């Protein structure tokens, strides 16, 4: 935090110094005190310089961060789009791929759920990849594992939908109850949820999220571009632009 503040202040002072030369191109500075007085005079006359300089600095930092994030996504695009162990809906070889990092205990993920379902219904030619995470509650991990274990019985979508539509808080008992109601072998699900394959998928998802700096959910990646929204219309507009 201190380092970031120091860098910000340093960048601001550099910007102000540059702007001083713009406003007073012929000003001579004999010593440090003269420089300080000149800067003070400029800031007193035009205090908006500080705001403008800081705003430009923030914009520059944001642009650099976005470029770095996009490069990280590009470097990991195969694992993002085509991990054979990640459940997906749609065409396996689709030209448009939407990937969701999410948590079954996340309120915003619950708000996105019906929006994303509509997008999938309206765009059956795309591929939607699901990467459950464990960010929010103590039961997030088991919910994610249970969904992945349900995929081993061919019922990922049913379990996924049930976890997002069940009323009340999730706990392990509730999750197992849901599994039984949709026809899953609950004992097998429990074993698979803690088995090597699901352990590997959870670890891979966590590593991938770290590699591409997914720090919160839901996070969407559409054809290699990060998309932060829970509005289905925004997602649809971006998909339409790719078609």
C-alpha atoms as a PDB file:
ATOM      1  CA  UNK A   1       0.000   0.000   0.000  1.00  0.00           C
ATOM      2  CA  UNK A   2       2.795   2.425   0.978  1.00  0.00           C
ATOM      3  CA  UNK A   3       4.766   1.522  -2.136  1.00  0.00           C
ATOM      4  CA  UNK A   4       1.727   2.143  -4.353  1.00  0.00           C
ATOM      5  CA  UNK A   5       1.106   5.511  -2.697  1.00  0.00           C
ATOM      6  CA  UNK A   6       4.746   6.509  -3.130  1.00  0.00           C
ATOM      7  CA  UNK A   7       4.678   5.593  -6.816  1.00  0.00           C
ATOM      8  CA  UNK A   8       1.436   7.527  -7.289  1.00  0.00           C
ATOM      9  CA  UNK A   9       2.866  10.635  -5.612  1.00  0.00           C
ATOM     10  CA  UNK A  10       6.087  10.358  -7.593  1.00  0.00           C
ATOM     11  CA  UNK A  11       4.156  10.054 -10.840  1.00  0.00           C
ATOM     12  CA  UNK A  12       2.027  13.015  -9.843  1.00  0.00           C
ATOM     13  CA  UNK A  13       5.082  15.178  -9.124  1.00  0.00           C
ATOM     14  CA  UNK A  14       6.624  14.224 -12.455  1.00  0.00           C
ATOM     15  CA  UNK A  15       3.387  15.130 -14.209  1.00  0.00           C
ATOM     16  CA  UNK A  16       3.214  18.457 -12.381  1.00  0.00           C
ATOM     17  CA  UNK A  17       6.834  19.211 -13.253  1.00  0.00           C
ATOM     18  CA  UNK A  18       6.101  18.518 -16.896  1.00  0.00           C
ATOM     19  CA  UNK A  19       3.028  20.703 -16.792  1.00  0.00           C
ATOM     20  CA  UNK A  20       5.001  23.527 -15.192  1.00  0.00           C
ATOM     21  CA  UNK A  21       7.192  23.613 -18.251  1.00  0.00           C
ATOM     22  CA  UNK A  22       4.087  23.748 -20.422  1.00  0.00           C
ATOM     23  CA  UNK A  23       2.607  26.701 -18.587  1.00  0.00           C
ATOM     24  CA  UNK A  24       5.931  28.495 -18.006  1.00  0.00           C
ATOM     25  CA  UNK A  25       8.200  27.416 -20.896  1.00  0.00           C
ATOM     26  CA  UNK A  26      10.609  30.334 -20.411  1.00  0.00           C
ATOM     27  CA  UNK A  27      10.752  30.204 -16.611  1.00  0.00           C
ATOM     28  CA  UNK A  28      14.304  29.933 -15.282  1.00  0.00           C
ATOM     29  CA  UNK A  29      14.872  28.044 -12.038  1.00  0.00           C
ATOM     30  CA  UNK A  30      18.102  28.853 -10.263  1.00  0.00           C
ATOM     31  CA  UNK A  31      17.782  26.425  -7.412  1.00  0.00           C
ATOM     32  CA  UNK A  32      15.453  23.977  -5.642  1.00  0.00           C
ATOM     33  CA  UNK A  33      13.654  26.740  -3.782  1.00  0.00           C
ATOM     34  CA  UNK A  34      12.940  28.507  -7.044  1.00  0.00           C
ATOM     35  CA  UNK A  35      11.555  25.289  -8.513  1.00  0.00           C
ATOM     36  CA  UNK A  36       9.331  24.759  -5.486  1.00  0.00           C
ATOM     37  CA  UNK A  37       8.066  28.304  -5.639  1.00  0.00           C
ATOM     38  CA  UNK A  38       7.297  27.961  -9.324  1.00  0.00           C
ATOM     39  CA  UNK A  39       5.378  24.727  -8.774  1.00  0.00           C
ATOM     40  CA  UNK A  40       3.463  26.286  -5.877  1.00  0.00           C
ATOM     41  CA  UNK A  41       2.579  29.312  -7.973  1.00  0.00           C
ATOM     42  CA  UNK A  42       1.311  27.140 -10.817  1.00  0.00           C
ATOM     43  CA  UNK A  43      -0.743  24.953  -8.469  1.00  0.00           C
ATOM     44  CA  UNK A  44      -2.247  27.980  -6.754  1.00  0.00           C
ATOM     45  CA  UNK A  45      -3.222  29.411 -10.115  1.00  0.00           C
ATOM     46  CA  UNK A  46      -4.401  26.128 -11.632  1.00  0.00           C
ATOM     47  CA  UNK A  47      -5.193  23.566  -8.859  1.00  0.00           C
ATOM     48  CA  UNK A  48      -6.973  21.378 -11.394  1.00  0.00           C
ATOM     49  CA  UNK A  49      -3.509  20.312 -12.593  1.00  0.00           C
ATOM     50  CA  UNK A  50      -3.272  17.893  -9.669  1.00  0.00           C
ATOM     51  CA  UNK A  51      -6.613  16.274 -10.483  1.00  0.00           C
ATOM     52  CA  UNK A  52      -5.839  16.038 -14.199  1.00  0.00           C
ATOM     53  CA  UNK A  53      -2.388  14.581 -13.591  1.00  0.00           C
ATOM     54  CA  UNK A  54      -3.706  11.981 -11.142  1.00  0.00           C
ATOM     55  CA  UNK A  55      -6.549  11.060 -13.472  1.00  0.00           C
ATOM     56  CA  UNK A  56      -4.148  10.558 -16.383  1.00  0.00           C
ATOM     57  CA  UNK A  57      -1.884   8.471 -14.175  1.00  0.00           C
ATOM     58  CA  UNK A  58      -4.791   6.257 -13.075  1.00  0.00           C
ATOM     59  CA  UNK A  59      -5.933   5.834 -16.669  1.00  0.00           C
ATOM     60  CA  UNK A  60      -2.417   4.837 -17.658  1.00  0.00           C
ATOM     61  CA  UNK A  61      -2.181   2.302 -14.831  1.00  0.00           C
ATOM     62  CA  UNK A  62      -5.596   0.849 -15.686  1.00  0.00           C
ATOM     63  CA  UNK A  63      -4.663   0.510 -19.345  1.00  0.00           C
ATOM     64  CA  UNK A  64      -1.409  -1.224 -18.438  1.00  0.00           C
ATOM     65  CA  UNK A  65      -3.205  -3.568 -16.012  1.00  0.00           C
ATOM     66  CA  UNK A  66      -5.797  -4.443 -18.656  1.00  0.00           C
ATOM     67  CA  UNK A  67      -3.105  -5.137 -21.235  1.00  0.00           C
ATOM     68  CA  UNK A  68      -1.244  -7.343 -18.757  1.00  0.00           C
ATOM     69  CA  UNK A  69      -4.448  -9.226 -17.886  1.00  0.00           C
ATOM     70  CA  UNK A  70      -5.245  -9.794 -21.544  1.00  0.00           C
ATOM     71  CA  UNK A  71      -1.756 -11.164 -22.115  1.00  0.00           C
ATOM     72  CA  UNK A  72      -2.190 -13.570 -19.207  1.00  0.00           C
ATOM     73  CA  UNK A  73      -5.469 -14.774 -20.701  1.00  0.00           C
ATOM     74  CA  UNK A  74      -3.829 -15.203 -24.102  1.00  0.00           C
ATOM     75  CA  UNK A  75      -1.021 -17.224 -22.523  1.00  0.00           C
ATOM     76  CA  UNK A  76      -3.543 -19.549 -20.824  1.00  0.00           C
ATOM     77  CA  UNK A  77      -6.318 -19.621 -23.436  1.00  0.00           C
ATOM     78  CA  UNK A  78      -6.135 -23.367 -24.067  1.00  0.00           C
ATOM     79  CA  UNK A  79      -6.698 -24.188 -20.393  1.00  0.00           C
ATOM     80  CA  UNK A  80      -9.445 -21.564 -20.209  1.00  0.00           C
ATOM     81  CA  UNK A  81     -11.431 -22.728 -23.240  1.00  0.00           C
ATOM     82  CA  UNK A  82     -10.565 -26.376 -23.771  1.00  0.00           C
ATOM     83  CA  UNK A  83      -9.720 -28.132 -20.509  1.00  0.00           C
ATOM     84  CA  UNK A  84     -11.191 -31.599 -21.151  1.00  0.00           C
ATOM     85  CA  UNK A  85     -12.205 -31.906 -17.493  1.00  0.00           C
ATOM     86  CA  UNK A  86     -14.270 -28.700 -17.391  1.00  0.00           C
ATOM     87  CA  UNK A  87     -18.022 -29.228 -17.858  1.00  0.00           C
ATOM     88  CA  UNK A  88     -19.513 -27.331 -20.771  1.00  0.00           C
ATOM     89  CA  UNK A  89     -22.747 -26.801 -22.682  1.00  0.00           C
ATOM     90  CA  UNK A  90     -22.979 -26.399 -26.455  1.00  0.00           C
ATOM     91  CA  UNK A  91     -20.711 -27.241 -29.371  1.00  0.00           C
ATOM     92  CA  UNK A  92     -17.302 -28.526 -28.338  1.00  0.00           C
ATOM     93  CA  UNK A  93     -15.621 -26.901 -31.361  1.00  0.00           C
ATOM     94  CA  UNK A  94     -17.663 -23.682 -31.326  1.00  0.00           C
ATOM     95  CA  UNK A  95     -16.042 -20.511 -32.658  1.00  0.00           C
ATOM     96  CA  UNK A  96     -17.444 -18.510 -29.729  1.00  0.00           C
ATOM     97  CA  UNK A  97     -16.510 -19.689 -26.232  1.00  0.00           C
ATOM     98  CA  UNK A  98     -17.861 -18.173 -23.017  1.00  0.00           C
ATOM     99  CA  UNK A  99     -16.188 -19.269 -19.791  1.00  0.00           C
ATOM    100  CA  UNK A 100     -17.615 -18.607 -16.329  1.00  0.00           C
ATOM    101  CA  UNK A 101     -15.656 -18.644 -13.077  1.00  0.00           C
ATOM    102  CA  UNK A 102     -18.284 -18.706 -10.319  1.00  0.00           C
ATOM    103  CA  UNK A 103     -19.227 -19.821  -6.816  1.00  0.00           C
ATOM    104  CA  UNK A 104     -22.499 -21.536  -5.865  1.00  0.00           C
ATOM    105  CA  UNK A 105     -22.663 -19.415  -2.701  1.00  0.00           C
ATOM    106  CA  UNK A 106     -22.129 -16.111  -4.533  1.00  0.00           C
ATOM    107  CA  UNK A 107     -25.127 -13.760  -4.640  1.00  0.00           C
ATOM    108  CA  UNK A 108     -24.015 -12.080  -7.864  1.00  0.00           C
ATOM    109  CA  UNK A 109     -23.499 -15.508  -9.455  1.00  0.00           C
ATOM    110  CA  UNK A 110     -27.105 -16.324  -8.546  1.00  0.00           C
ATOM    111  CA  UNK A 111     -28.222 -13.113 -10.263  1.00  0.00           C
ATOM    112  CA  UNK A 112     -26.201 -14.015 -13.338  1.00  0.00           C
ATOM    113  CA  UNK A 113     -27.575 -17.580 -13.479  1.00  0.00           C
ATOM    114  CA  UNK A 114     -30.933 -16.853 -15.228  1.00  0.00           C
ATOM    115  CA  UNK A 115     -29.272 -14.279 -17.474  1.00  0.00           C
ATOM    116  CA  UNK A 116     -26.682 -16.790 -18.604  1.00  0.00           C
ATOM    117  CA  UNK A 117     -29.337 -19.471 -19.098  1.00  0.00           C
ATOM    118  CA  UNK A 118     -31.167 -17.151 -21.485  1.00  0.00           C
ATOM    119  CA  UNK A 119     -27.948 -16.432 -23.358  1.00  0.00           C
ATOM    120  CA  UNK A 120     -27.352 -20.172 -23.745  1.00  0.00           C
ATOM    121  CA  UNK A 121     -30.929 -20.759 -24.919  1.00  0.00           C
ATOM    122  CA  UNK A 122     -30.618 -17.982 -27.508  1.00  0.00           C
ATOM    123  CA  UNK A 123     -27.149 -19.016 -28.717  1.00  0.00           C
ATOM    124  CA  UNK A 124     -26.999 -22.771 -29.040  1.00  0.00           C
ATOM    125  CA  UNK A 125     -24.083 -22.487 -31.459  1.00  0.00           C
ATOM    126  CA  UNK A 126     -21.682 -21.281 -28.755  1.00  0.00           C
ATOM    127  CA  UNK A 127     -19.761 -23.175 -26.088  1.00  0.00           C
ATOM    128  CA  UNK A 128     -20.208 -22.244 -22.421  1.00  0.00           C
ATOM    129  CA  UNK A 129     -17.563 -23.607 -20.040  1.00  0.00           C
ATOM    130  CA  UNK A 130     -18.105 -23.828 -16.270  1.00  0.00           C
ATOM    131  CA  UNK A 131     -15.305 -23.421 -13.740  1.00  0.00           C
ATOM    132  CA  UNK A 132     -16.683 -23.617 -10.182  1.00  0.00           C
ATOM    133  CA  UNK A 133     -14.618 -21.959  -7.470  1.00  0.00           C
ATOM    134  CA  UNK A 134     -14.635 -21.852  -3.673  1.00  0.00           C
ATOM    135  CA  UNK A 135     -14.381 -18.157  -2.819  1.00  0.00           C
ATOM    136  CA  UNK A 136     -17.385 -17.271  -0.679  1.00  0.00           C
ATOM    137  CA  UNK A 137     -18.500 -19.645   2.082  1.00  0.00           C
ATOM    138  CA  UNK A 138     -17.339 -22.698   3.981  1.00  0.00           C
ATOM    139  CA  UNK A 139     -19.640 -24.829   1.799  1.00  0.00           C
ATOM    140  CA  UNK A 140     -18.518 -23.377  -1.526  1.00  0.00           C
ATOM    141  CA  UNK A 141     -15.860 -26.040  -1.873  1.00  0.00           C
ATOM    142  CA  UNK A 142     -18.217 -28.982  -1.351  1.00  0.00           C
ATOM    143  CA  UNK A 143     -20.842 -27.464  -3.659  1.00  0.00           C
ATOM    144  CA  UNK A 144     -18.254 -27.087  -6.421  1.00  0.00           C
ATOM    145  CA  UNK A 145     -16.984 -30.621  -5.843  1.00  0.00           C
ATOM    146  CA  UNK A 146     -20.515 -32.032  -5.816  1.00  0.00           C
ATOM    147  CA  UNK A 147     -21.280 -30.404  -9.170  1.00  0.00           C
ATOM    148  CA  UNK A 148     -18.090 -31.814 -10.677  1.00  0.00           C
ATOM    149  CA  UNK A 149     -18.846 -35.211  -9.139  1.00  0.00           C
ATOM    150  CA  UNK A 150     -22.342 -35.069 -10.665  1.00  0.00           C
ATOM    151  CA  UNK A 151     -20.639 -34.721 -14.054  1.00  0.00           C
ATOM    152  CA  UNK A 152     -19.143 -38.165 -13.447  1.00  0.00           C
ATOM    153  CA  UNK A 153     -22.729 -39.492 -13.427  1.00  0.00           C
ATOM    154  CA  UNK A 154     -23.702 -37.455 -16.484  1.00  0.00           C
ATOM    155  CA  UNK A 155     -25.788 -34.943 -14.532  1.00  0.00           C
ATOM    156  CA  UNK A 156     -23.662 -31.815 -14.195  1.00  0.00           C
ATOM    157  CA  UNK A 157     -26.308 -29.520 -15.706  1.00  0.00           C
ATOM    158  CA  UNK A 158     -29.055 -30.883 -13.462  1.00  0.00           C
ATOM    159  CA  UNK A 159     -26.895 -30.467 -10.347  1.00  0.00           C
ATOM    160  CA  UNK A 160     -25.663 -27.038 -11.459  1.00  0.00           C
ATOM    161  CA  UNK A 161     -29.215 -25.792 -11.991  1.00  0.00           C
ATOM    162  CA  UNK A 162     -30.438 -27.283  -8.722  1.00  0.00           C
ATOM    163  CA  UNK A 163     -27.646 -25.658  -6.699  1.00  0.00           C
ATOM    164  CA  UNK A 164     -28.500 -22.276  -8.178  1.00  0.00           C
ATOM    165  CA  UNK A 165     -32.256 -22.571  -7.649  1.00  0.00           C
ATOM    166  CA  UNK A 166     -32.535 -24.240  -4.240  1.00  0.00           C
ATOM    167  CA  UNK A 167     -34.058 -22.100  -1.488  1.00  0.00           C
ATOM    168  CA  UNK A 168     -32.157 -21.421   1.697  1.00  0.00           C
ATOM    169  CA  UNK A 169     -28.449 -21.628   2.535  1.00  0.00           C
ATOM    170  CA  UNK A 170     -26.357 -24.493   1.244  1.00  0.00           C
ATOM    171  CA  UNK A 171     -24.626 -26.916   3.542  1.00  0.00           C
ATOM    172  CA  UNK A 172     -23.260 -30.396   2.932  1.00  0.00           C
ATOM    173  CA  UNK A 173     -26.447 -32.118   4.057  1.00  0.00           C
ATOM    174  CA  UNK A 174     -28.570 -29.916   1.780  1.00  0.00           C
ATOM    175  CA  UNK A 175     -26.259 -30.512  -1.169  1.00  0.00           C
ATOM    176  CA  UNK A 176     -26.465 -34.280  -0.728  1.00  0.00           C
ATOM    177  CA  UNK A 177     -30.247 -34.029  -0.420  1.00  0.00           C
ATOM    178  CA  UNK A 178     -30.364 -32.152  -3.748  1.00  0.00           C
ATOM    179  CA  UNK A 179     -28.209 -34.831  -5.344  1.00  0.00           C
ATOM    180  CA  UNK A 180     -30.613 -37.557  -4.234  1.00  0.00           C
ATOM    181  CA  UNK A 181     -33.646 -35.664  -5.520  1.00  0.00           C
ATOM    182  CA  UNK A 182     -32.235 -35.379  -9.049  1.00  0.00           C
ATOM    183  CA  UNK A 183     -31.471 -39.111  -9.153  1.00  0.00           C
ATOM    184  CA  UNK A 184     -27.770 -39.173  -8.362  1.00  0.00           C
ATOM    185  CA  UNK A 185     -26.081 -41.997  -6.475  1.00  0.00           C
ATOM    186  CA  UNK A 186     -25.257 -39.964  -3.358  1.00  0.00           C
ATOM    187  CA  UNK A 187     -22.625 -42.326  -1.973  1.00  0.00           C
ATOM    188  CA  UNK A 188     -20.795 -42.346  -5.294  1.00  0.00           C
ATOM    189  CA  UNK A 189     -21.088 -38.564  -5.447  1.00  0.00           C
ATOM    190  CA  UNK A 190     -19.526 -38.229  -1.998  1.00  0.00           C
ATOM    191  CA  UNK A 191     -16.651 -40.494  -2.987  1.00  0.00           C
ATOM    192  CA  UNK A 192     -16.079 -38.780  -6.331  1.00  0.00           C
ATOM    193  CA  UNK A 193     -16.269 -35.325  -4.731  1.00  0.00           C
ATOM    194  CA  UNK A 194     -13.167 -36.184  -2.721  1.00  0.00           C
ATOM    195  CA  UNK A 195     -11.522 -38.345  -5.375  1.00  0.00           C
ATOM    196  CA  UNK A 196      -8.377 -37.711  -7.358  1.00  0.00           C
ATOM    197  CA  UNK A 197     -10.126 -36.456 -10.494  1.00  0.00           C
ATOM    198  CA  UNK A 198     -12.229 -33.802  -8.773  1.00  0.00           C
ATOM    199  CA  UNK A 199      -9.260 -32.830  -6.588  1.00  0.00           C
ATOM    200  CA  UNK A 200      -7.265 -32.299  -9.760  1.00  0.00           C
ATOM    201  CA  UNK A 201      -9.991 -30.193 -11.408  1.00  0.00           C
ATOM    202  CA  UNK A 202     -10.376 -27.970  -8.332  1.00  0.00           C
ATOM    203  CA  UNK A 203      -6.633 -27.490  -8.114  1.00  0.00           C
ATOM    204  CA  UNK A 204      -6.405 -26.713 -11.835  1.00  0.00           C
ATOM    205  CA  UNK A 205      -9.222 -24.163 -11.574  1.00  0.00           C
ATOM    206  CA  UNK A 206      -7.536 -22.472  -8.627  1.00  0.00           C
ATOM    207  CA  UNK A 207      -4.157 -22.332 -10.370  1.00  0.00           C
ATOM    208  CA  UNK A 208      -5.720 -21.045 -13.578  1.00  0.00           C
ATOM    209  CA  UNK A 209      -7.694 -18.376 -11.704  1.00  0.00           C
ATOM    210  CA  UNK A 210      -4.470 -17.250 -10.054  1.00  0.00           C
ATOM    211  CA  UNK A 211      -2.554 -17.254 -13.324  1.00  0.00           C
ATOM    212  CA  UNK A 212      -5.058 -14.954 -15.037  1.00  0.00           C
ATOM    213  CA  UNK A 213      -5.794 -12.875 -11.923  1.00  0.00           C
ATOM    214  CA  UNK A 214      -9.407 -13.856 -11.335  1.00  0.00           C
ATOM    215  CA  UNK A 215      -9.854 -12.260  -7.922  1.00  0.00           C
ATOM    216  CA  UNK A 216     -13.631 -12.413  -7.659  1.00  0.00           C
ATOM    217  CA  UNK A 217     -16.723 -14.070  -9.033  1.00  0.00           C
ATOM    218  CA  UNK A 218     -18.530 -14.125 -11.302  1.00  0.00           C
ATOM    219  CA  UNK A 219     -15.848 -13.559 -13.927  1.00  0.00           C
ATOM    220  CA  UNK A 220     -16.635 -14.200 -17.574  1.00  0.00           C
ATOM    221  CA  UNK A 221     -14.172 -14.650 -20.424  1.00  0.00           C
ATOM    222  CA  UNK A 222     -15.601 -14.394 -23.928  1.00  0.00           C
ATOM    223  CA  UNK A 223     -13.262 -15.468 -26.707  1.00  0.00           C
ATOM    224  CA  UNK A 224     -10.254 -14.462 -24.645  1.00  0.00           C
ATOM    225  CA  UNK A 225     -11.655 -11.128 -23.425  1.00  0.00           C
ATOM    226  CA  UNK A 226     -12.517 -10.646 -19.751  1.00  0.00           C
ATOM    227  CA  UNK A 227     -16.095  -9.497 -19.237  1.00  0.00           C
ATOM    228  CA  UNK A 228     -17.335  -8.258 -15.851  1.00  0.00           C
ATOM    229  CA  UNK A 229     -21.139  -8.116 -15.966  1.00  0.00           C
ATOM    230  CA  UNK A 230     -24.255  -9.864 -14.709  1.00  0.00           C
ATOM    231  CA  UNK A 231     -26.420  -8.342 -17.446  1.00  0.00           C
ATOM    232  CA  UNK A 232     -27.452 -10.847 -20.102  1.00  0.00           C
ATOM    233  CA  UNK A 233     -28.040  -8.060 -22.613  1.00  0.00           C
ATOM    234  CA  UNK A 234     -24.414  -6.972 -22.327  1.00  0.00           C
ATOM    235  CA  UNK A 235     -23.255 -10.553 -22.875  1.00  0.00           C
ATOM    236  CA  UNK A 236     -25.568 -10.919 -25.871  1.00  0.00           C
ATOM    237  CA  UNK A 237     -24.296  -7.685 -27.410  1.00  0.00           C
ATOM    238  CA  UNK A 238     -20.720  -8.909 -27.128  1.00  0.00           C
ATOM    239  CA  UNK A 239     -21.650 -12.276 -28.653  1.00  0.00           C
ATOM    240  CA  UNK A 240     -23.494 -10.559 -31.512  1.00  0.00           C
ATOM    241  CA  UNK A 241     -20.387  -8.495 -32.229  1.00  0.00           C
ATOM    242  CA  UNK A 242     -18.396 -11.707 -32.654  1.00  0.00           C
ATOM    243  CA  UNK A 243     -20.832 -13.360 -35.062  1.00  0.00           C
END
